[in-house]
Amino acid sequence: MTPPEITSIIAAASAGVAAVVSAIGIIVVLVVLYVVKLVIGKLAPPELAEPVLFIVGAICLISLLALAANTMFGVGPSLGSLRSGPLLR
């Protein structure tokens, strides 16, 4: 058993890691949306651009929800888990 002090330190560290991972995920999604909007604005016809942007936006929201589930609960559709990292073993 680990002492309560060690457990609270590990929990605080994992909360900080989760905040950083969430912030990076949000920034990446915003950059991807910006680039996709530029490309679709240049290449797609106007009547097709809006539905494509809507679908891409929905996919980005789903990815943010999956990221939030992973960072908050350590579960979700990802390659790994924050709780299975070397810090919490």
PDB file of N, CA and C in Angstrom:
ATOM      1  N   MET A   1       0.836  -1.195   0.000  1.00  0.00           N
ATOM      2  CA  MET A   1       0.000   0.000   0.000  1.00  0.00           C
ATOM      3  C   MET A   1       0.873   1.248   0.000  1.00  0.00           C
ATOM      4  N   THR A   2       0.414   2.217  -0.727  1.00  0.00           N
ATOM      5  CA  THR A   2       1.143   3.479  -0.737  1.00  0.00           C
ATOM      6  C   THR A   2       0.553   4.403   0.308  1.00  0.00           C
ATOM      7  N   PRO A   3       1.392   5.210   0.905  1.00  0.00           N
ATOM      8  CA  PRO A   3       0.881   6.166   1.893  1.00  0.00           C
ATOM      9  C   PRO A   3      -0.034   7.190   1.235  1.00  0.00           C
ATOM     10  N   PRO A   4      -0.955   7.754   1.991  1.00  0.00           N
ATOM     11  CA  PRO A   4      -1.895   8.743   1.414  1.00  0.00           C
ATOM     12  C   PRO A   4      -1.203   9.960   0.804  1.00  0.00           C
ATOM     13  N   GLU A   5      -0.047  10.341   1.361  1.00  0.00           N
ATOM     14  CA  GLU A   5       0.653  11.507   0.819  1.00  0.00           C
ATOM     15  C   GLU A   5       1.139  11.232  -0.609  1.00  0.00           C
ATOM     16  N   ILE A   6       1.666  10.042  -0.829  1.00  0.00           N
ATOM     17  CA  ILE A   6       2.152   9.672  -2.158  1.00  0.00           C
ATOM     18  C   ILE A   6       0.985   9.605  -3.140  1.00  0.00           C
ATOM     19  N   THR A   7      -0.121   9.040  -2.702  1.00  0.00           N
ATOM     20  CA  THR A   7      -1.301   8.927  -3.568  1.00  0.00           C
ATOM     21  C   THR A   7      -1.816  10.303  -3.976  1.00  0.00           C
ATOM     22  N   SER A   8      -1.839  11.247  -3.048  1.00  0.00           N
ATOM     23  CA  SER A   8      -2.322  12.592  -3.391  1.00  0.00           C
ATOM     24  C   SER A   8      -1.357  13.306  -4.333  1.00  0.00           C
ATOM     25  N   ILE A   9      -0.059  13.066  -4.180  1.00  0.00           N
ATOM     26  CA  ILE A   9       0.921  13.671  -5.088  1.00  0.00           C
ATOM     27  C   ILE A   9       0.750  13.103  -6.495  1.00  0.00           C
ATOM     28  N   ILE A  10       0.559  11.788  -6.592  1.00  0.00           N
ATOM     29  CA  ILE A  10       0.365  11.154  -7.899  1.00  0.00           C
ATOM     30  C   ILE A  10      -0.926  11.656  -8.543  1.00  0.00           C
ATOM     31  N   ALA A  11      -1.988  11.803  -7.760  1.00  0.00           N
ATOM     32  CA  ALA A  11      -3.260  12.287  -8.300  1.00  0.00           C
ATOM     33  C   ALA A  11      -3.123  13.722  -8.809  1.00  0.00           C
ATOM     34  N   ALA A  12      -2.397  14.555  -8.064  1.00  0.00           N
ATOM     35  CA  ALA A  12      -2.196  15.942  -8.499  1.00  0.00           C
ATOM     36  C   ALA A  12      -1.369  15.997  -9.773  1.00  0.00           C
ATOM     37  N   ALA A  13      -0.363  15.136  -9.867  1.00  0.00           N
ATOM     38  CA  ALA A  13       0.468  15.117 -11.072  1.00  0.00           C
ATOM     39  C   ALA A  13      -0.327  14.646 -12.276  1.00  0.00           C
ATOM     40  N   SER A  14      -1.163  13.629 -12.089  1.00  0.00           N
ATOM     41  CA  SER A  14      -1.952  13.144 -13.223  1.00  0.00           C
ATOM     42  C   SER A  14      -3.006  14.160 -13.630  1.00  0.00           C
ATOM     43  N   ALA A  15      -3.521  14.948 -12.700  1.00  0.00           N
ATOM     44  CA  ALA A  15      -4.478  15.995 -13.052  1.00  0.00           C
ATOM     45  C   ALA A  15      -3.795  17.073 -13.894  1.00  0.00           C
ATOM     46  N   GLY A  16      -2.550  17.395 -13.569  1.00  0.00           N
ATOM     47  CA  GLY A  16      -1.806  18.368 -14.365  1.00  0.00           C
ATOM     48  C   GLY A  16      -1.525  17.853 -15.765  1.00  0.00           C
ATOM     49  N   VAL A  17      -1.176  16.583 -15.857  1.00  0.00           N
ATOM     50  CA  VAL A  17      -0.941  15.974 -17.164  1.00  0.00           C
ATOM     51  C   VAL A  17      -2.226  15.981 -17.978  1.00  0.00           C
ATOM     52  N   ALA A  18      -3.346  15.679 -17.352  1.00  0.00           N
ATOM     53  CA  ALA A  18      -4.628  15.669 -18.052  1.00  0.00           C
ATOM     54  C   ALA A  18      -4.984  17.061 -18.569  1.00  0.00           C
ATOM     55  N   ALA A  19      -4.689  18.090 -17.801  1.00  0.00           N
ATOM     56  CA  ALA A  19      -4.978  19.454 -18.251  1.00  0.00           C
ATOM     57  C   ALA A  19      -4.123  19.825 -19.456  1.00  0.00           C
ATOM     58  N   VAL A  20      -2.863  19.430 -19.439  1.00  0.00           N
ATOM     59  CA  VAL A  20      -1.981  19.726 -20.565  1.00  0.00           C
ATOM     60  C   VAL A  20      -2.421  18.954 -21.806  1.00  0.00           C
ATOM     61  N   VAL A  21      -2.769  17.684 -21.638  1.00  0.00           N
ATOM     62  CA  VAL A  21      -3.220  16.874 -22.776  1.00  0.00           C
ATOM     63  C   VAL A  21      -4.503  17.457 -23.361  1.00  0.00           C
ATOM     64  N   SER A  22      -5.421  17.894 -22.517  1.00  0.00           N
ATOM     65  CA  SER A  22      -6.667  18.496 -23.005  1.00  0.00           C
ATOM     66  C   SER A  22      -6.393  19.786 -23.766  1.00  0.00           C
ATOM     67  N   ALA A  23      -5.517  20.619 -23.236  1.00  0.00           N
ATOM     68  CA  ALA A  23      -5.192  21.880 -23.912  1.00  0.00           C
ATOM     69  C   ALA A  23      -4.541  21.628 -25.270  1.00  0.00           C
ATOM     70  N   ILE A  24      -3.624  20.675 -25.324  1.00  0.00           N
ATOM     71  CA  ILE A  24      -2.982  20.345 -26.600  1.00  0.00           C
ATOM     72  C   ILE A  24      -4.005  19.798 -27.589  1.00  0.00           C
ATOM     73  N   GLY A  25      -4.915  18.963 -27.113  1.00  0.00           N
ATOM     74  CA  GLY A  25      -5.956  18.415 -27.988  1.00  0.00           C
ATOM     75  C   GLY A  25      -6.853  19.489 -28.566  1.00  0.00           C
ATOM     76  N   ILE A  26      -7.222  20.457 -27.754  1.00  0.00           N
ATOM     77  CA  ILE A  26      -8.082  21.548 -28.229  1.00  0.00           C
ATOM     78  C   ILE A  26      -7.342  22.396 -29.265  1.00  0.00           C
ATOM     79  N   ILE A  27      -6.078  22.675 -29.012  1.00  0.00           N
ATOM     80  CA  ILE A  27      -5.295  23.469 -29.974  1.00  0.00           C
ATOM     81  C   ILE A  27      -5.158  22.724 -31.295  1.00  0.00           C
ATOM     82  N   VAL A  28      -4.892  21.429 -31.225  1.00  0.00           N
ATOM     83  CA  VAL A  28      -4.756  20.640 -32.455  1.00  0.00           C
ATOM     84  C   VAL A  28      -6.063  20.637 -33.243  1.00  0.00           C
ATOM     85  N   VAL A  29      -7.188  20.466 -32.563  1.00  0.00           N
ATOM     86  CA  VAL A  29      -8.482  20.459 -33.251  1.00  0.00           C
ATOM     87  C   VAL A  29      -8.750  21.816 -33.899  1.00  0.00           C
ATOM     88  N   LEU A  30      -8.439  22.899 -33.219  1.00  0.00           N
ATOM     89  CA  LEU A  30      -8.656  24.224 -33.801  1.00  0.00           C
ATOM     90  C   LEU A  30      -7.784  24.441 -35.042  1.00  0.00           C
ATOM     91  N   VAL A  31      -6.535  23.997 -34.993  1.00  0.00           N
ATOM     92  CA  VAL A  31      -5.657  24.138 -36.157  1.00  0.00           C
ATOM     93  C   VAL A  31      -6.162  23.289 -37.316  1.00  0.00           C
ATOM     94  N   VAL A  32      -6.580  22.060 -37.020  1.00  0.00           N
ATOM     95  CA  VAL A  32      -7.108  21.190 -38.079  1.00  0.00           C
ATOM     96  C   VAL A  32      -8.355  21.803 -38.704  1.00  0.00           C
ATOM     97  N   LEU A  33      -9.262  22.314 -37.882  1.00  0.00           N
ATOM     98  CA  LEU A  33     -10.470  22.949 -38.422  1.00  0.00           C
ATOM     99  C   LEU A  33     -10.120  24.157 -39.295  1.00  0.00           C
ATOM    100  N   TYR A  34      -9.150  24.941 -38.874  1.00  0.00           N
ATOM    101  CA  TYR A  34      -8.750  26.113 -39.653  1.00  0.00           C
ATOM    102  C   TYR A  34      -8.190  25.706 -41.016  1.00  0.00           C
ATOM    103  N   VAL A  35      -7.301  24.714 -41.013  1.00  0.00           N
ATOM    104  CA  VAL A  35      -6.695  24.272 -42.265  1.00  0.00           C
ATOM    105  C   VAL A  35      -7.746  23.648 -43.182  1.00  0.00           C
ATOM    106  N   VAL A  36      -8.626  22.832 -42.623  1.00  0.00           N
ATOM    107  CA  VAL A  36      -9.682  22.203 -43.428  1.00  0.00           C
ATOM    108  C   VAL A  36     -10.601  23.266 -44.021  1.00  0.00           C
ATOM    109  N   LYS A  37     -10.927  24.281 -43.230  1.00  0.00           N
ATOM    110  CA  LYS A  37     -11.790  25.351 -43.746  1.00  0.00           C
ATOM    111  C   LYS A  37     -11.114  26.099 -44.894  1.00  0.00           C
ATOM    112  N   LEU A  38      -9.815  26.350 -44.779  1.00  0.00           N
ATOM    113  CA  LEU A  38      -9.096  27.005 -45.878  1.00  0.00           C
ATOM    114  C   LEU A  38      -9.090  26.146 -47.133  1.00  0.00           C
ATOM    115  N   VAL A  39      -8.790  24.863 -46.981  1.00  0.00           N
ATOM    116  CA  VAL A  39      -8.702  23.973 -48.138  1.00  0.00           C
ATOM    117  C   VAL A  39     -10.065  23.793 -48.791  1.00  0.00           C
ATOM    118  N   ILE A  40     -11.090  23.571 -47.977  1.00  0.00           N
ATOM    119  CA  ILE A  40     -12.432  23.374 -48.539  1.00  0.00           C
ATOM    120  C   ILE A  40     -12.942  24.659 -49.171  1.00  0.00           C
ATOM    121  N   GLY A  41     -12.606  25.798 -48.589  1.00  0.00           N
ATOM    122  CA  GLY A  41     -13.012  27.073 -49.169  1.00  0.00           C
ATOM    123  C   GLY A  41     -12.409  27.314 -50.539  1.00  0.00           C
ATOM    124  N   LYS A  42     -11.201  26.802 -50.744  1.00  0.00           N
ATOM    125  CA  LYS A  42     -10.540  26.992 -52.038  1.00  0.00           C
ATOM    126  C   LYS A  42     -10.960  25.950 -53.077  1.00  0.00           C
ATOM    127  N   LEU A  43     -11.138  24.700 -52.646  1.00  0.00           N
ATOM    128  CA  LEU A  43     -11.325  23.614 -53.606  1.00  0.00           C
ATOM    129  C   LEU A  43     -12.781  23.222 -53.851  1.00  0.00           C
ATOM    130  N   ALA A  44     -13.594  23.260 -52.824  1.00  0.00           N
ATOM    131  CA  ALA A  44     -14.956  22.749 -52.959  1.00  0.00           C
ATOM    132  C   ALA A  44     -15.900  23.835 -53.493  1.00  0.00           C
ATOM    133  N   PRO A  45     -16.908  23.425 -54.239  1.00  0.00           N
ATOM    134  CA  PRO A  45     -17.930  24.394 -54.648  1.00  0.00           C
ATOM    135  C   PRO A  45     -18.723  24.861 -53.420  1.00  0.00           C
ATOM    136  N   PRO A  46     -19.252  26.081 -53.472  1.00  0.00           N
ATOM    137  CA  PRO A  46     -19.919  26.640 -52.292  1.00  0.00           C
ATOM    138  C   PRO A  46     -21.081  25.802 -51.753  1.00  0.00           C
ATOM    139  N   GLU A  47     -21.848  25.166 -52.635  1.00  0.00           N
ATOM    140  CA  GLU A  47     -22.987  24.374 -52.146  1.00  0.00           C
ATOM    141  C   GLU A  47     -22.546  23.083 -51.469  1.00  0.00           C
ATOM    142  N   LEU A  48     -21.319  22.646 -51.696  1.00  0.00           N
ATOM    143  CA  LEU A  48     -20.799  21.438 -51.067  1.00  0.00           C
ATOM    144  C   LEU A  48     -19.938  21.752 -49.844  1.00  0.00           C
ATOM    145  N   ALA A  49     -19.436  22.980 -49.759  1.00  0.00           N
ATOM    146  CA  ALA A  49     -18.514  23.337 -48.683  1.00  0.00           C
ATOM    147  C   ALA A  49     -19.185  23.289 -47.311  1.00  0.00           C
ATOM    148  N   GLU A  50     -20.395  23.801 -47.216  1.00  0.00           N
ATOM    149  CA  GLU A  50     -21.063  23.854 -45.911  1.00  0.00           C
ATOM    150  C   GLU A  50     -21.353  22.474 -45.332  1.00  0.00           C
ATOM    151  N   PRO A  51     -21.912  21.531 -46.081  1.00  0.00           N
ATOM    152  CA  PRO A  51     -22.126  20.195 -45.495  1.00  0.00           C
ATOM    153  C   PRO A  51     -20.827  19.487 -45.127  1.00  0.00           C
ATOM    154  N   VAL A  52     -19.786  19.667 -45.927  1.00  0.00           N
ATOM    155  CA  VAL A  52     -18.503  19.026 -45.612  1.00  0.00           C
ATOM    156  C   VAL A  52     -17.923  19.613 -44.330  1.00  0.00           C
ATOM    157  N   LEU A  53     -17.987  20.923 -44.172  1.00  0.00           N
ATOM    158  CA  LEU A  53     -17.504  21.552 -42.946  1.00  0.00           C
ATOM    159  C   LEU A  53     -18.326  21.117 -41.737  1.00  0.00           C
ATOM    160  N   PHE A  54     -19.618  20.915 -41.925  1.00  0.00           N
ATOM    161  CA  PHE A  54     -20.467  20.434 -40.837  1.00  0.00           C
ATOM    162  C   PHE A  54     -20.035  19.044 -40.394  1.00  0.00           C
ATOM    163  N   ILE A  55     -19.771  18.162 -41.343  1.00  0.00           N
ATOM    164  CA  ILE A  55     -19.352  16.795 -41.021  1.00  0.00           C
ATOM    165  C   ILE A  55     -17.979  16.801 -40.354  1.00  0.00           C
ATOM    166  N   VAL A  56     -17.055  17.590 -40.858  1.00  0.00           N
ATOM    167  CA  VAL A  56     -15.720  17.679 -40.257  1.00  0.00           C
ATOM    168  C   VAL A  56     -15.822  18.240 -38.838  1.00  0.00           C
ATOM    169  N   GLY A  57     -16.666  19.227 -38.631  1.00  0.00           N
ATOM    170  CA  GLY A  57     -16.875  19.774 -37.291  1.00  0.00           C
ATOM    171  C   GLY A  57     -17.437  18.743 -36.329  1.00  0.00           C
ATOM    172  N   ALA A  58     -18.375  17.917 -36.812  1.00  0.00           N
ATOM    173  CA  ALA A  58     -18.929  16.860 -35.968  1.00  0.00           C
ATOM    174  C   ALA A  58     -17.861  15.834 -35.598  1.00  0.00           C
ATOM    175  N   ILE A  59     -17.004  15.493 -36.545  1.00  0.00           N
ATOM    176  CA  ILE A  59     -15.916  14.550 -36.259  1.00  0.00           C
ATOM    177  C   ILE A  59     -14.949  15.140 -35.236  1.00  0.00           C
ATOM    178  N   CYS A  60     -14.672  16.429 -35.338  1.00  0.00           N
ATOM    179  CA  CYS A  60     -13.793  17.079 -34.362  1.00  0.00           C
ATOM    180  C   CYS A  60     -14.416  17.106 -32.971  1.00  0.00           C
ATOM    181  N   LEU A  61     -15.721  17.348 -32.894  1.00  0.00           N
ATOM    182  CA  LEU A  61     -16.391  17.314 -31.595  1.00  0.00           C
ATOM    183  C   LEU A  61     -16.349  15.926 -30.979  1.00  0.00           C
ATOM    184  N   ILE A  62     -16.538  14.900 -31.783  1.00  0.00           N
ATOM    185  CA  ILE A  62     -16.461  13.530 -31.278  1.00  0.00           C
ATOM    186  C   ILE A  62     -15.056  13.234 -30.768  1.00  0.00           C
ATOM    187  N   SER A  63     -14.039  13.702 -31.482  1.00  0.00           N
ATOM    188  CA  SER A  63     -12.666  13.470 -31.023  1.00  0.00           C
ATOM    189  C   SER A  63     -12.378  14.216 -29.723  1.00  0.00           C
ATOM    190  N   LEU A  64     -12.943  15.413 -29.563  1.00  0.00           N
ATOM    191  CA  LEU A  64     -12.773  16.139 -28.297  1.00  0.00           C
ATOM    192  C   LEU A  64     -13.485  15.429 -27.151  1.00  0.00           C
ATOM    193  N   LEU A  65     -14.656  14.867 -27.405  1.00  0.00           N
ATOM    194  CA  LEU A  65     -15.346  14.101 -26.367  1.00  0.00           C
ATOM    195  C   LEU A  65     -14.557  12.865 -25.972  1.00  0.00           C
ATOM    196  N   ALA A  66     -13.961  12.187 -26.944  1.00  0.00           N
ATOM    197  CA  ALA A  66     -13.132  11.019 -26.637  1.00  0.00           C
ATOM    198  C   ALA A  66     -11.897  11.433 -25.832  1.00  0.00           C
ATOM    199  N   LEU A  67     -11.299  12.563 -26.176  1.00  0.00           N
ATOM    200  CA  LEU A  67     -10.156  13.068 -25.433  1.00  0.00           C
ATOM    201  C   LEU A  67     -10.551  13.425 -24.005  1.00  0.00           C
ATOM    202  N   ALA A  68     -11.716  14.059 -23.845  1.00  0.00           N
ATOM    203  CA  ALA A  68     -12.184  14.410 -22.504  1.00  0.00           C
ATOM    204  C   ALA A  68     -12.445  13.164 -21.669  1.00  0.00           C
ATOM    205  N   ALA A  69     -13.023  12.137 -22.268  1.00  0.00           N
ATOM    206  CA  ALA A  69     -13.264  10.889 -21.530  1.00  0.00           C
ATOM    207  C   ALA A  69     -11.950  10.253 -21.117  1.00  0.00           C
ATOM    208  N   ASN A  70     -10.974  10.312 -21.983  1.00  0.00           N
ATOM    209  CA  ASN A  70      -9.674   9.723 -21.657  1.00  0.00           C
ATOM    210  C   ASN A  70      -8.976  10.502 -20.554  1.00  0.00           C
ATOM    211  N   THR A  71      -9.006  11.817 -20.609  1.00  0.00           N
ATOM    212  CA  THR A  71      -8.298  12.606 -19.606  1.00  0.00           C
ATOM    213  C   THR A  71      -9.026  12.637 -18.275  1.00  0.00           C
ATOM    214  N   MET A  72     -10.352  12.573 -18.292  1.00  0.00           N
ATOM    215  CA  MET A  72     -11.094  12.620 -17.031  1.00  0.00           C
ATOM    216  C   MET A  72     -11.179  11.271 -16.335  1.00  0.00           C
ATOM    217  N   PHE A  73     -11.411  10.222 -17.102  1.00  0.00           N
ATOM    218  CA  PHE A  73     -11.667   8.926 -16.503  1.00  0.00           C
ATOM    219  C   PHE A  73     -10.621   7.884 -16.851  1.00  0.00           C
ATOM    220  N   GLY A  74      -9.719   8.186 -17.760  1.00  0.00           N
ATOM    221  CA  GLY A  74      -8.702   7.232 -18.155  1.00  0.00           C
ATOM    222  C   GLY A  74      -9.212   6.122 -19.042  1.00  0.00           C
ATOM    223  N   VAL A  75     -10.374   6.332 -19.650  1.00  0.00           N
ATOM    224  CA  VAL A  75     -10.936   5.333 -20.556  1.00  0.00           C
ATOM    225  C   VAL A  75     -11.334   6.029 -21.840  1.00  0.00           C
ATOM    226  N   GLY A  76     -11.470   5.260 -22.880  1.00  0.00           N
ATOM    227  CA  GLY A  76     -11.921   5.841 -24.129  1.00  0.00           C
ATOM    228  C   GLY A  76     -11.231   5.215 -25.314  1.00  0.00           C
ATOM    229  N   PRO A  77     -11.682   5.587 -26.495  1.00  0.00           N
ATOM    230  CA  PRO A  77     -11.102   5.004 -27.714  1.00  0.00           C
ATOM    231  C   PRO A  77      -9.769   5.654 -28.059  1.00  0.00           C
ATOM    232  N   SER A  78      -8.708   5.195 -27.428  1.00  0.00           N
ATOM    233  CA  SER A  78      -7.395   5.742 -27.719  1.00  0.00           C
ATOM    234  C   SER A  78      -6.373   4.620 -27.682  1.00  0.00           C
ATOM    235  N   LEU A  79      -5.161   4.951 -28.053  1.00  0.00           N
ATOM    236  CA  LEU A  79      -4.103   3.941 -28.068  1.00  0.00           C
ATOM    237  C   LEU A  79      -3.591   3.636 -26.673  1.00  0.00           C
ATOM    238  N   GLY A  80      -3.789   4.536 -25.756  1.00  0.00           N
ATOM    239  CA  GLY A  80      -3.315   4.330 -24.399  1.00  0.00           C
ATOM    240  C   GLY A  80      -4.181   5.070 -23.422  1.00  0.00           C
ATOM    241  N   SER A  81      -3.810   4.997 -22.179  1.00  0.00           N
ATOM    242  CA  SER A  81      -4.570   5.658 -21.135  1.00  0.00           C
ATOM    243  C   SER A  81      -3.621   6.468 -20.281  1.00  0.00           C
ATOM    244  N   LEU A  82      -4.091   7.604 -19.793  1.00  0.00           N
ATOM    245  CA  LEU A  82      -3.264   8.401 -18.906  1.00  0.00           C
ATOM    246  C   LEU A  82      -2.995   7.662 -17.599  1.00  0.00           C
ATOM    247  N   ARG A  83      -3.942   6.849 -17.176  1.00  0.00           N
ATOM    248  CA  ARG A  83      -3.768   6.138 -15.910  1.00  0.00           C
ATOM    249  C   ARG A  83      -2.864   4.923 -16.039  1.00  0.00           C
ATOM    250  N   SER A  84      -2.548   4.516 -17.239  1.00  0.00           N
ATOM    251  CA  SER A  84      -1.652   3.370 -17.395  1.00  0.00           C
ATOM    252  C   SER A  84      -0.222   3.806 -17.670  1.00  0.00           C
ATOM    253  N   GLY A  85       0.035   5.097 -17.529  1.00  0.00           N
ATOM    254  CA  GLY A  85       1.372   5.591 -17.778  1.00  0.00           C
ATOM    255  C   GLY A  85       2.324   5.195 -16.671  1.00  0.00           C
ATOM    256  N   PRO A  86       3.606   5.461 -16.859  1.00  0.00           N
ATOM    257  CA  PRO A  86       4.604   5.040 -15.873  1.00  0.00           C
ATOM    258  C   PRO A  86       4.462   5.764 -14.545  1.00  0.00           C
ATOM    259  N   LEU A  87       3.779   6.926 -14.521  1.00  0.00           N
ATOM    260  CA  LEU A  87       3.639   7.687 -13.282  1.00  0.00           C
ATOM    261  C   LEU A  87       2.743   6.959 -12.283  1.00  0.00           C
ATOM    262  N   LEU A  88       1.749   6.246 -12.759  1.00  0.00           N
ATOM    263  CA  LEU A  88       0.772   5.640 -11.853  1.00  0.00           C
ATOM    264  C   LEU A  88       0.905   4.132 -11.713  1.00  0.00           C
ATOM    265  N   ARG A  89       1.980   3.558 -12.168  1.00  0.00           N
ATOM    266  CA  ARG A  89       2.141   2.103 -12.039  1.00  0.00           C
ATOM    267  C   ARG A  89       2.572   1.719 -10.659  1.00  0.00           C
TER     268      ARG A  89
END
